[in-house]
Amino acid sequence: MKIDAHQHFWKYTPERDTWIDDSMAKLQADFLPSDLKGLLEANSIQGCIAVQADQSEEETKWLLNLATENDFIKGVVGWVDLCADTVEERLLFFSKNPFFKGVRHIVQAEKSDFVLQEDFQNGIRKLTPLGLTYDLLVYPHQLEAATELVFQHPEQTFILDHLAKPNIKAHEIESWKSQIERISAAPNISCKLSGMVTEADLAHWKAKDFTPYLQTVFDYFGVERVLFGSDWPVCLLAAEYKKVLQLVQDFTANLSKEEQTRIFGANACEIYNLTI
């Protein structure tokens, strides 16, 4: 089964979704399962994982309801306040829902050492016995702290979103590459092949722009720890769904069928413990 391991849904609300500014006017709209279903079918993708975009339990509950109503949504990576005193109680509440697979906090908006705070790490420790994953959304300058976090919690499953958002537009790679080498040395972290086109020149990117970044990820993570994600609808700022998928398909075209199966579905099923 082919799985899109990273996409979002929302009903656009200007007061809440302040991150969608006028430069992202294309995203100032509702993006719902009915909008994605046809894209998945047209690209022979049978399932997806809905990832949080708002830091609220209300959105997490909404995403879980969408998963109940739409059989192609195979799992939800929601938001729970990992720094709260009630974190264990809230995780237990949500983990009763079979679609609740993991948690994400938008760390890219936090200080570099946010993930090393004791209250946050306490929240991470509560994920592990429940078999819940943690999606790391960071910028390259936050990778050092993220690496320390991952090594401090060897039993916890982590997934690095969007290759840690390297500055592809400026072709900056060396510092990011050395950090990727370090974090990938931890066997408990995988990397999503997602979010690349929006880190490039939105209107003028070329497929070759992504080659050194993709090669780095494959060199250090290997095919066993990478998984495709579209980052729809955010990707629409730079490319349609099919083009985002094609980028990864073209790069992996010379791999074996078994390796391609892992990248486009099997790894996601295993990492997120999807019920297929």
Protein backbone atom coordinates (compact mmCIF):
# COMPACT_ATOMS: atom_id res chain seq x y z
CA MET A 1 0.00 0.00 0.00
CA LYS A 2 1.27 3.45 -0.96
CA ILE A 3 1.09 6.01 1.83
CA ASP A 4 1.50 9.78 1.86
CA ALA A 5 3.10 10.13 5.29
CA HIS A 6 2.64 13.88 5.69
CA GLN A 7 -0.26 16.13 4.77
CA HIS A 8 -2.60 18.58 6.46
CA PHE A 9 -6.28 19.50 6.65
CA TRP A 10 -7.81 22.73 7.89
CA LYS A 11 -10.81 25.02 7.73
CA TYR A 12 -9.12 28.36 7.20
CA THR A 13 -9.63 30.86 10.01
CA PRO A 14 -7.63 34.12 9.69
CA GLU A 15 -7.64 34.77 13.45
CA ARG A 16 -6.19 31.33 14.20
CA ASP A 17 -4.07 30.62 11.13
CA THR A 18 -1.89 33.72 11.35
CA TRP A 19 1.07 31.82 9.88
CA ILE A 20 -0.75 31.81 6.54
CA ASP A 21 0.01 35.41 5.61
CA ASP A 22 -0.77 37.23 2.36
CA SER A 23 2.33 35.79 0.70
CA MET A 24 0.58 32.42 1.06
CA ALA A 25 -2.77 33.55 -0.30
CA LYS A 26 -3.20 30.21 -2.08
CA LEU A 27 -3.48 28.55 1.33
CA GLN A 28 -6.13 30.95 2.64
CA ALA A 29 -8.88 28.43 1.94
CA ASP A 30 -10.34 25.22 3.32
CA PHE A 31 -8.44 22.00 2.57
CA LEU A 32 -10.49 18.95 3.46
CA PRO A 33 -10.46 15.19 2.80
CA SER A 34 -12.76 15.67 -0.17
CA ASP A 35 -10.06 17.87 -1.76
CA LEU A 36 -7.29 15.32 -1.23
CA LYS A 37 -9.08 12.07 -2.03
CA GLY A 38 -9.06 12.59 -5.79
CA LEU A 39 -5.36 13.53 -5.78
CA LEU A 40 -4.45 10.37 -3.92
CA GLU A 41 -6.52 8.21 -6.26
CA ALA A 42 -5.06 9.88 -9.36
CA ASN A 43 -1.56 9.11 -8.11
CA SER A 44 -2.27 5.53 -6.96
CA ILE A 45 -1.83 6.36 -3.28
CA GLN A 46 -4.13 4.43 -1.00
CA GLY A 47 -3.66 6.17 2.33
CA CYS A 48 -2.28 9.18 4.18
CA ILE A 49 -1.26 10.46 7.59
CA ALA A 50 -2.84 13.72 8.71
CA VAL A 51 -0.39 15.89 10.65
CA GLN A 52 -1.27 18.74 12.98
CA ALA A 53 -1.03 22.33 11.78
CA ASP A 54 -2.55 24.04 14.81
CA GLN A 55 -1.31 23.76 18.40
CA SER A 56 -4.62 22.72 19.91
CA GLU A 57 -6.39 19.63 21.17
CA GLU A 58 -9.47 20.84 19.32
CA GLU A 59 -7.70 20.28 16.02
CA THR A 60 -6.43 16.88 17.17
CA LYS A 61 -10.00 15.79 17.94
CA TRP A 62 -11.17 17.14 14.58
CA LEU A 63 -8.47 15.24 12.69
CA LEU A 64 -9.36 12.04 14.53
CA ASN A 65 -13.00 12.52 13.55
CA LEU A 66 -11.94 13.00 9.92
CA ALA A 67 -10.00 9.72 10.11
CA THR A 68 -13.10 7.96 11.40
CA GLU A 69 -15.15 9.33 8.50
CA ASN A 70 -12.58 8.79 5.71
CA ASP A 71 -11.01 5.35 5.36
CA PHE A 72 -7.99 6.65 3.39
CA ILE A 73 -6.78 8.59 6.46
CA LYS A 74 -4.77 5.84 8.14
CA GLY A 75 -3.37 7.80 11.07
CA VAL A 76 -3.14 11.16 12.82
CA VAL A 77 -0.09 12.93 14.25
CA GLY A 78 -1.80 15.36 16.60
CA TRP A 79 -0.87 17.96 19.17
CA VAL A 80 -0.85 17.57 22.92
CA ASP A 81 0.89 19.98 25.28
CA LEU A 82 3.95 17.92 26.16
CA CYS A 83 5.03 20.53 28.71
CA ALA A 84 1.81 20.38 30.72
CA ASP A 85 1.45 18.70 34.11
CA THR A 86 -1.49 16.79 32.65
CA VAL A 87 0.43 15.41 29.66
CA GLU A 88 0.16 11.75 30.70
CA GLU A 89 -3.59 12.04 31.24
CA ARG A 90 -4.12 13.70 27.84
CA LEU A 91 -1.95 11.19 25.99
CA LEU A 92 -3.86 8.33 27.60
CA PHE A 93 -7.12 9.97 26.54
CA PHE A 94 -6.09 10.32 22.90
CA SER A 95 -4.30 6.97 22.65
CA LYS A 96 -7.63 5.22 23.17
CA ASN A 97 -8.37 6.25 19.59
CA PRO A 98 -6.72 3.75 17.19
CA PHE A 99 -6.01 6.50 14.65
CA PHE A 100 -3.87 8.50 17.11
CA LYS A 101 -0.32 7.53 16.13
CA GLY A 102 1.92 10.30 17.40
CA VAL A 103 2.48 13.89 18.44
CA ARG A 104 4.09 16.97 16.92
CA HIS A 105 4.88 20.39 18.33
CA ILE A 106 5.97 23.19 15.97
CA VAL A 107 9.48 23.40 17.39
CA GLN A 108 10.70 25.56 14.48
CA ALA A 109 8.95 28.48 16.17
CA GLU A 110 10.72 27.88 19.50
CA LYS A 111 14.18 28.66 20.87
CA SER A 112 16.96 26.28 19.85
CA ASP A 113 17.12 24.54 23.22
CA PHE A 114 13.35 24.15 23.64
CA VAL A 115 13.43 20.38 23.14
CA LEU A 116 15.98 20.01 25.97
CA GLN A 117 13.75 21.64 28.58
CA GLU A 118 12.90 19.22 31.36
CA ASP A 119 9.14 19.68 31.03
CA PHE A 120 9.29 18.93 27.29
CA GLN A 121 11.51 15.90 27.82
CA ASN A 122 9.10 14.66 30.47
CA GLY A 123 6.39 14.75 27.81
CA ILE A 124 8.61 12.80 25.39
CA ARG A 125 9.13 10.14 28.08
CA LYS A 126 5.35 9.71 28.34
CA LEU A 127 5.07 8.88 24.62
CA THR A 128 7.32 5.85 24.69
CA PRO A 129 5.29 3.36 26.78
CA LEU A 130 2.20 4.21 24.73
CA GLY A 131 3.98 3.41 21.46
CA LEU A 132 3.44 6.94 20.14
CA THR A 133 5.84 8.58 17.70
CA TYR A 134 7.21 12.13 17.79
CA ASP A 135 7.59 14.24 14.63
CA LEU A 136 10.49 16.69 14.83
CA LEU A 137 9.82 19.93 12.94
CA VAL A 138 13.02 21.98 13.17
CA TYR A 139 15.28 24.28 11.20
CA PRO A 140 18.95 23.38 10.63
CA HIS A 141 20.12 25.63 13.48
CA GLN A 142 17.95 23.57 15.85
CA LEU A 143 19.40 20.21 14.79
CA GLU A 144 22.12 20.16 17.42
CA ALA A 145 19.59 20.22 20.26
CA ALA A 146 17.31 17.83 18.36
CA THR A 147 20.17 15.38 18.02
CA GLU A 148 20.84 15.51 21.75
CA LEU A 149 17.13 14.87 22.38
CA VAL A 150 17.02 11.85 20.10
CA PHE A 151 20.10 10.27 21.69
CA GLN A 152 18.76 10.90 25.18
CA HIS A 153 15.60 8.91 24.40
CA PRO A 154 16.84 5.79 22.56
CA GLU A 155 13.57 3.88 23.03
CA GLN A 156 11.43 6.65 21.52
CA THR A 157 10.58 6.67 17.80
CA PHE A 158 11.32 10.03 16.16
CA ILE A 159 10.62 11.22 12.61
CA LEU A 160 12.45 14.22 11.17
CA ASP A 161 10.05 16.30 9.09
CA HIS A 162 10.98 18.01 5.81
CA LEU A 163 14.71 17.06 5.96
CA ALA A 164 14.97 19.66 8.77
CA LYS A 165 14.17 22.40 6.23
CA PRO A 166 17.57 23.09 4.62
CA ASN A 167 17.91 26.37 2.72
CA ILE A 168 17.63 24.83 -0.74
CA LYS A 169 16.93 28.19 -2.38
CA ALA A 170 20.40 29.43 -1.36
CA HIS A 171 22.01 26.02 -2.00
CA GLU A 172 23.27 25.93 1.59
CA ILE A 173 24.25 22.36 2.40
CA GLU A 174 27.53 21.79 4.25
CA SER A 175 26.47 22.69 7.81
CA TRP A 176 23.10 20.97 7.35
CA LYS A 177 24.79 17.88 5.92
CA SER A 178 27.11 17.48 8.91
CA GLN A 179 24.15 17.81 11.27
CA ILE A 180 22.18 15.22 9.30
CA GLU A 181 25.12 12.84 9.58
CA ARG A 182 25.09 13.25 13.36
CA ILE A 183 21.36 12.89 13.95
CA SER A 184 21.01 9.94 11.56
CA ALA A 185 23.53 8.00 13.66
CA ALA A 186 20.69 7.44 16.14
CA PRO A 187 18.82 4.30 15.00
CA ASN A 188 15.53 5.53 16.48
CA ILE A 189 14.98 8.36 13.98
CA SER A 190 13.70 8.33 10.40
CA CYS A 191 13.39 11.15 7.86
CA LYS A 192 10.46 12.30 5.76
CA LEU A 193 11.11 13.16 2.12
CA SER A 194 8.74 16.08 2.36
CA GLY A 195 8.55 19.86 2.43
CA MET A 196 11.38 20.36 -0.05
CA VAL A 197 9.76 22.47 -2.76
CA THR A 198 8.79 25.20 -0.31
CA GLU A 199 12.40 25.52 0.85
CA ALA A 200 13.53 26.10 -2.76
CA ASP A 201 12.89 29.00 -5.13
CA LEU A 202 9.09 28.73 -5.19
CA ALA A 203 8.62 29.86 -8.79
CA HIS A 204 11.86 28.72 -10.41
CA TRP A 205 13.02 25.47 -8.77
CA LYS A 206 14.43 22.61 -10.82
CA ALA A 207 14.57 18.93 -9.94
CA LYS A 208 18.36 19.03 -9.79
CA ASP A 209 18.16 21.55 -6.92
CA PHE A 210 17.05 18.75 -4.60
CA THR A 211 19.51 16.05 -5.69
CA PRO A 212 22.33 16.75 -3.18
CA TYR A 213 19.86 16.99 -0.30
CA LEU A 214 18.06 13.79 -1.21
CA GLN A 215 21.37 12.00 -1.75
CA THR A 216 22.56 13.09 1.68
CA VAL A 217 19.43 11.73 3.35
CA PHE A 218 19.71 8.40 1.55
CA ASP A 219 23.43 8.17 2.29
CA TYR A 220 22.90 8.58 6.04
CA PHE A 221 19.42 7.18 6.71
CA GLY A 222 19.28 4.47 4.06
CA VAL A 223 16.09 3.21 2.41
CA GLU A 224 14.92 1.62 5.66
CA ARG A 225 14.47 4.99 7.40
CA VAL A 226 13.03 7.34 4.78
CA LEU A 227 9.40 7.86 3.85
CA PHE A 228 7.55 9.96 1.31
CA GLY A 229 5.29 12.81 2.35
CA SER A 230 3.70 15.44 0.11
CA ASP A 231 3.19 18.23 2.66
CA TRP A 232 -0.07 18.99 0.83
CA PRO A 233 -1.54 21.59 0.73
CA VAL A 234 1.51 23.65 1.78
CA CYS A 235 3.38 22.25 -1.23
CA LEU A 236 0.92 24.09 -3.50
CA LEU A 237 2.92 27.27 -2.89
CA ALA A 238 5.56 25.78 -5.19
CA ALA A 239 4.18 22.68 -6.95
CA GLU A 240 1.11 20.60 -7.60
CA TYR A 241 0.76 17.25 -5.84
CA LYS A 242 1.84 15.18 -8.84
CA LYS A 243 5.07 17.15 -9.28
CA VAL A 244 6.01 16.71 -5.61
CA LEU A 245 5.47 12.97 -5.88
CA GLN A 246 7.34 12.84 -9.20
CA LEU A 247 10.44 14.42 -7.66
CA VAL A 248 10.89 11.53 -5.26
CA GLN A 249 9.78 8.91 -7.78
CA ASP A 250 12.38 10.09 -10.29
CA PHE A 251 15.14 10.18 -7.70
CA THR A 252 14.35 6.62 -6.57
CA ALA A 253 13.63 5.20 -10.04
CA ASN A 254 16.81 3.10 -10.09
CA LEU A 255 16.13 1.45 -6.75
CA SER A 256 14.60 -2.01 -6.53
CA LYS A 257 10.84 -2.47 -6.36
CA GLU A 258 11.22 -3.63 -2.77
CA GLU A 259 13.15 -0.48 -1.83
CA GLN A 260 10.58 1.74 -3.56
CA THR A 261 7.81 -0.08 -1.71
CA ARG A 262 9.51 0.76 1.58
CA ILE A 263 9.92 4.46 0.74
CA PHE A 264 6.37 4.93 -0.55
CA GLY A 265 4.46 3.01 2.07
CA ALA A 266 5.97 0.12 3.98
CA ASN A 267 8.23 2.31 6.12
CA ALA A 268 5.31 4.57 7.05
CA CYS A 269 3.17 1.57 7.97
CA GLU A 270 5.92 0.22 10.20
CA ILE A 271 7.03 3.48 11.82
CA TYR A 272 3.51 4.72 12.56
CA ASN A 273 2.11 1.26 13.32
CA LEU A 274 -0.67 1.71 10.81
CA THR A 275 -3.53 -0.76 10.67
CA ILE A 276 -3.91 -1.63 7.00
